Amino acid sequence: MYVLDYGQFPDAGRWMDELINGEYLTTSKVFHCPNDEAHKYSYAMNSALSGVRPPDPQNLPHVILFFSSDSGKRNASGSPAATCRPHKGEGDMCFIAYADGDAEALGPGHRPK
């Protein structure tokens, strides 16, 4: 919805703030994984998509947009291949969400490319 409204992905340095301060999310609780007891924030954004305007916002690419992160920082971002980390208690699963709306859990030993 954000991309349809603005024609681009949020800025990776402010993605949580942009989504929570808009009309897209009403609570920051969605940024926390229940299995992540060590951090308030459990996810990061793919920094390669920061501010990118997709060629067709109606047909978004199948690329990783958000992923599990152990940084614990608000508005965390980075490369999914380098920084996707499972949260304790998830059985070494790394959760990812794609720009096109798909999501999946990568099993133990598998990391995004």
Protein backbone atom coordinates (compact mmCIF):
# COMPACT_ATOMS: atom_id res chain seq x y z
CA MET A 1 0.00 0.00 0.00
CA TYR A 2 2.86 2.38 0.80
CA VAL A 3 4.40 1.88 -2.64
CA LEU A 4 1.04 2.44 -4.34
CA ASP A 5 0.55 5.70 -2.43
CA TYR A 6 4.09 7.09 -2.74
CA GLY A 7 5.39 5.34 -5.86
CA GLN A 8 8.50 4.14 -4.03
CA PHE A 9 9.64 2.00 -1.12
CA PRO A 10 10.20 3.75 2.22
CA ASP A 11 13.59 5.12 3.16
CA ALA A 12 15.51 2.32 4.90
CA GLY A 13 16.69 4.68 7.63
CA ARG A 14 13.09 5.57 8.58
CA TRP A 15 10.98 2.67 7.34
CA MET A 16 9.34 1.82 10.67
CA ASP A 17 8.60 5.47 11.36
CA GLU A 18 7.12 5.98 7.88
CA LEU A 19 4.86 2.94 8.19
CA ILE A 20 3.69 3.57 11.76
CA ASN A 21 3.16 7.32 11.32
CA GLY A 22 1.11 6.83 8.19
CA GLU A 23 -2.15 5.01 7.79
CA TYR A 24 -0.53 1.61 7.24
CA LEU A 25 0.10 0.39 10.80
CA THR A 26 -1.54 1.39 14.06
CA THR A 27 0.89 -0.27 16.45
CA SER A 28 4.63 -0.89 16.61
CA LYS A 29 3.98 -4.36 18.07
CA VAL A 30 4.19 -5.81 14.55
CA PHE A 31 7.91 -4.98 14.53
CA HIS A 32 8.51 -7.48 17.35
CA CYS A 33 8.69 -11.26 16.97
CA PRO A 34 7.18 -13.05 20.01
CA ASN A 35 10.15 -15.46 19.98
CA ASP A 36 12.65 -12.61 20.17
CA GLU A 37 13.01 -12.10 23.92
CA ALA A 38 16.20 -10.06 23.59
CA HIS A 39 14.94 -7.16 21.46
CA LYS A 40 12.01 -4.78 21.08
CA TYR A 41 12.49 -4.67 17.28
CA SER A 42 13.01 -7.95 15.41
CA TYR A 43 13.09 -7.05 11.71
CA ALA A 44 15.09 -5.07 9.19
CA MET A 45 14.47 -3.66 5.73
CA ASN A 46 16.51 -4.50 2.64
CA SER A 47 18.56 -1.32 2.22
CA ALA A 48 18.88 -1.96 -1.54
CA LEU A 49 15.19 -1.02 -1.87
CA SER A 50 15.47 2.24 0.07
CA GLY A 51 13.54 4.91 -1.83
CA VAL A 52 13.49 2.78 -5.00
CA ARG A 53 10.68 3.43 -7.46
CA PRO A 54 9.56 0.10 -8.92
CA PRO A 55 8.77 0.14 -12.65
CA ASP A 56 5.17 -0.90 -11.95
CA PRO A 57 3.83 -0.44 -8.39
CA GLN A 58 0.89 -2.71 -9.29
CA ASN A 59 3.28 -5.59 -10.08
CA LEU A 60 6.02 -5.47 -7.45
CA PRO A 61 9.18 -7.58 -7.82
CA HIS A 62 9.72 -10.81 -5.88
CA VAL A 63 12.67 -9.47 -3.89
CA ILE A 64 13.20 -9.48 -0.15
CA LEU A 65 11.82 -6.34 1.51
CA PHE A 66 11.83 -7.24 5.24
CA PHE A 67 13.66 -9.98 7.15
CA SER A 68 14.49 -11.29 10.63
CA SER A 69 17.26 -9.31 12.26
CA ASP A 70 19.05 -9.56 15.58
CA SER A 71 20.20 -5.92 15.54
CA GLY A 72 17.32 -4.92 17.84
CA LYS A 73 17.39 -1.38 16.46
CA ARG A 74 14.40 0.64 15.33
CA ASN A 75 14.53 1.19 11.55
CA ALA A 76 17.23 -1.49 11.13
CA SER A 77 18.30 -2.13 7.56
CA GLY A 78 20.97 -3.87 5.58
CA SER A 79 21.61 -6.65 3.12
CA PRO A 80 19.37 -9.69 3.71
CA ALA A 81 22.22 -12.06 2.77
CA ALA A 82 24.57 -10.44 5.28
CA THR A 83 22.25 -9.58 8.17
CA CYS A 84 19.26 -11.96 8.16
CA ARG A 85 19.47 -13.69 11.54
CA PRO A 86 17.00 -16.00 13.23
CA HIS A 87 15.62 -15.08 16.63
CA LYS A 88 16.25 -17.34 19.58
CA GLY A 89 13.55 -19.98 19.85
CA GLU A 90 12.68 -20.01 16.15
CA GLY A 91 14.58 -23.21 15.41
CA ASP A 92 17.12 -21.33 13.32
CA MET A 93 14.40 -20.06 10.97
CA CYS A 94 14.86 -16.73 9.21
CA PHE A 95 11.56 -15.04 8.31
CA ILE A 96 11.40 -12.93 5.18
CA ALA A 97 8.73 -10.86 3.44
CA TYR A 98 8.93 -10.05 -0.25
CA ALA A 99 8.00 -6.77 -1.93
CA ASP A 100 5.23 -8.55 -3.84
CA GLY A 101 3.53 -9.59 -0.58
CA ASP A 102 4.78 -13.19 -0.32
CA ALA A 103 6.49 -14.34 2.87
CA GLU A 104 8.36 -17.45 3.95
CA ALA A 105 10.52 -18.95 6.64
CA LEU A 106 13.91 -20.20 5.54
CA GLY A 107 14.98 -23.35 7.34
CA PRO A 108 18.14 -23.99 9.34
CA GLY A 109 21.28 -23.28 7.40
CA HIS A 110 19.45 -21.42 4.62
CA ARG A 111 19.93 -17.70 4.22
CA PRO A 112 18.59 -15.25 1.66
CA LYS A 113 20.67 -14.60 -1.43
